[in-house]
Amino acid sequence: MDGYRELIRENICYDDFARERPYDVPQLDEMVEAVCSRKEAVRVAGNDLPQAVVKSRLLKLDGQHIRFVFDCLRENTTQVRNMKQYLLTVLYNAPVTMESHYVAQVNHDFYAEKTV
């Protein structure tokens, strides 16, 4: 577990992240726990996925992905009943949703009708 924790810390530039967002650091352990799971399948967004697939995707996350995830969590206004599961789902999906999210935000900011 310590080896994976160190690898994840390297991937996300942990020292920089911890300096910028010390309040988000404890939630990173959820990611380490999912990577180290010994279960054959891990439930993500209601689907049981092979643990190796989840582990592979989580180990590819970088600092931008992590910042995106925590920004999304901060902006969320709906009640989350299972934060651990929600966090795992957002982390798992970050690589495929981050770019689209930012494009949608830019489009909204530049092209949405302005009301005066």
Protein backbone atom coordinates (compact mmCIF):
# COMPACT_ATOMS: atom_id res chain seq x y z
CA MET A 1 0.00 0.00 0.00
CA ASP A 2 2.85 2.38 0.79
CA GLY A 3 4.35 1.80 -2.66
CA TYR A 4 1.11 2.74 -4.39
CA ARG A 5 0.66 5.73 -2.11
CA GLU A 6 4.10 6.98 -3.16
CA LEU A 7 3.37 6.36 -6.86
CA ILE A 8 0.11 8.29 -6.64
CA ARG A 9 1.85 11.10 -4.78
CA GLU A 10 4.45 11.28 -7.55
CA ASN A 11 1.80 11.28 -10.28
CA ILE A 12 -0.14 14.15 -8.77
CA CYS A 13 2.83 16.22 -7.51
CA TYR A 14 1.62 15.65 -3.96
CA ASP A 15 3.76 18.30 -2.26
CA ASP A 16 2.38 21.04 -4.52
CA PHE A 17 -1.16 19.71 -4.10
CA ALA A 18 -0.86 19.55 -0.31
CA ARG A 19 0.47 23.12 -0.18
CA GLU A 20 -2.36 24.43 -2.39
CA ARG A 21 -5.19 22.36 -0.89
CA PRO A 22 -4.34 20.92 2.52
CA TYR A 23 -8.06 20.44 3.25
CA ASP A 24 -8.39 17.98 0.32
CA VAL A 25 -5.44 15.76 1.24
CA PRO A 26 -7.33 13.29 3.50
CA GLN A 27 -9.64 12.29 0.65
CA LEU A 28 -6.69 11.06 -1.39
CA ASP A 29 -6.59 7.98 0.83
CA GLU A 30 -9.86 6.84 -0.79
CA MET A 31 -7.97 6.58 -4.06
CA VAL A 32 -5.14 4.59 -2.47
CA GLU A 33 -7.66 2.24 -0.88
CA ALA A 34 -9.34 1.56 -4.24
CA VAL A 35 -6.00 0.93 -5.95
CA CYS A 36 -4.99 -1.55 -3.24
CA SER A 37 -8.30 -3.40 -3.13
CA ARG A 38 -7.98 -7.18 -3.30
CA LYS A 39 -11.51 -7.65 -4.61
CA GLU A 40 -11.90 -9.05 -8.12
CA ALA A 41 -14.38 -6.31 -8.97
CA VAL A 42 -14.85 -2.75 -7.77
CA ARG A 43 -18.22 -1.01 -7.97
CA VAL A 44 -17.99 2.27 -9.89
CA ALA A 45 -21.13 4.21 -10.82
CA GLY A 46 -23.25 1.14 -10.12
CA ASN A 47 -21.16 -1.13 -12.34
CA ASP A 48 -18.84 -3.87 -11.15
CA LEU A 49 -15.58 -3.33 -13.00
CA PRO A 50 -12.48 -5.52 -12.88
CA GLN A 51 -10.22 -4.26 -10.12
CA ALA A 52 -7.27 -4.18 -12.52
CA VAL A 53 -9.13 -1.77 -14.83
CA VAL A 54 -10.03 0.57 -11.97
CA LYS A 55 -6.50 0.39 -10.60
CA SER A 56 -4.99 1.16 -13.99
CA ARG A 57 -7.19 4.21 -14.54
CA LEU A 58 -6.59 5.59 -11.04
CA LEU A 59 -2.83 5.18 -11.38
CA LYS A 60 -2.91 7.32 -14.54
CA LEU A 61 -4.45 10.32 -12.80
CA ASP A 62 -2.29 13.42 -12.53
CA GLY A 63 -2.52 16.64 -10.56
CA GLN A 64 -4.88 18.26 -13.06
CA HIS A 65 -7.34 15.38 -12.71
CA ILE A 66 -7.22 15.55 -8.93
CA ARG A 67 -7.77 19.32 -8.88
CA PHE A 68 -10.69 18.90 -11.31
CA VAL A 69 -12.26 16.25 -9.07
CA PHE A 70 -11.99 18.32 -5.92
CA ASP A 71 -13.28 21.42 -7.71
CA CYS A 72 -16.30 19.43 -8.88
CA LEU A 73 -16.88 18.12 -5.36
CA ARG A 74 -16.78 21.66 -4.00
CA GLU A 75 -19.31 22.86 -6.61
CA ASN A 76 -21.71 19.97 -6.03
CA THR A 77 -24.91 21.08 -4.33
CA THR A 78 -26.74 17.75 -4.23
CA GLN A 79 -26.70 15.54 -1.17
CA VAL A 80 -24.24 12.67 -1.51
CA ARG A 81 -25.26 9.67 0.53
CA ASN A 82 -22.20 7.53 -0.08
CA MET A 83 -19.23 9.90 -0.36
CA LYS A 84 -16.70 7.09 -0.70
CA GLN A 85 -18.52 5.63 -3.71
CA TYR A 86 -19.17 9.06 -5.21
CA LEU A 87 -15.51 10.05 -4.90
CA LEU A 88 -14.37 6.80 -6.50
CA THR A 89 -16.76 7.34 -9.41
CA VAL A 90 -15.63 10.93 -9.97
CA LEU A 91 -11.95 9.93 -9.79
CA TYR A 92 -12.48 7.02 -12.19
CA ASN A 93 -14.33 9.20 -14.70
CA ALA A 94 -12.06 12.26 -14.45
CA PRO A 95 -9.85 11.41 -17.47
CA VAL A 96 -12.86 11.11 -19.78
CA THR A 97 -14.94 13.99 -18.45
CA MET A 98 -12.46 16.73 -17.54
CA GLU A 99 -11.93 18.17 -21.01
CA SER A 100 -15.62 18.12 -21.89
CA HIS A 101 -16.44 19.84 -18.60
CA TYR A 102 -14.04 22.70 -19.30
CA VAL A 103 -15.25 23.08 -22.90
CA ALA A 104 -18.84 23.30 -21.67
CA GLN A 105 -17.86 25.93 -19.10
CA VAL A 106 -16.06 28.04 -21.70
CA ASN A 107 -19.00 27.75 -24.09
CA HIS A 108 -21.37 28.82 -21.34
CA ASP A 109 -19.21 31.75 -20.28
CA PHE A 110 -18.64 33.06 -23.81
CA TYR A 111 -21.77 32.14 -25.69
CA ALA A 112 -24.65 31.99 -23.22
CA GLU A 113 -27.18 34.76 -23.57
CA LYS A 114 -26.41 37.53 -21.18
CA THR A 115 -29.35 38.98 -19.28
CA VAL A 116 -29.10 42.58 -18.22
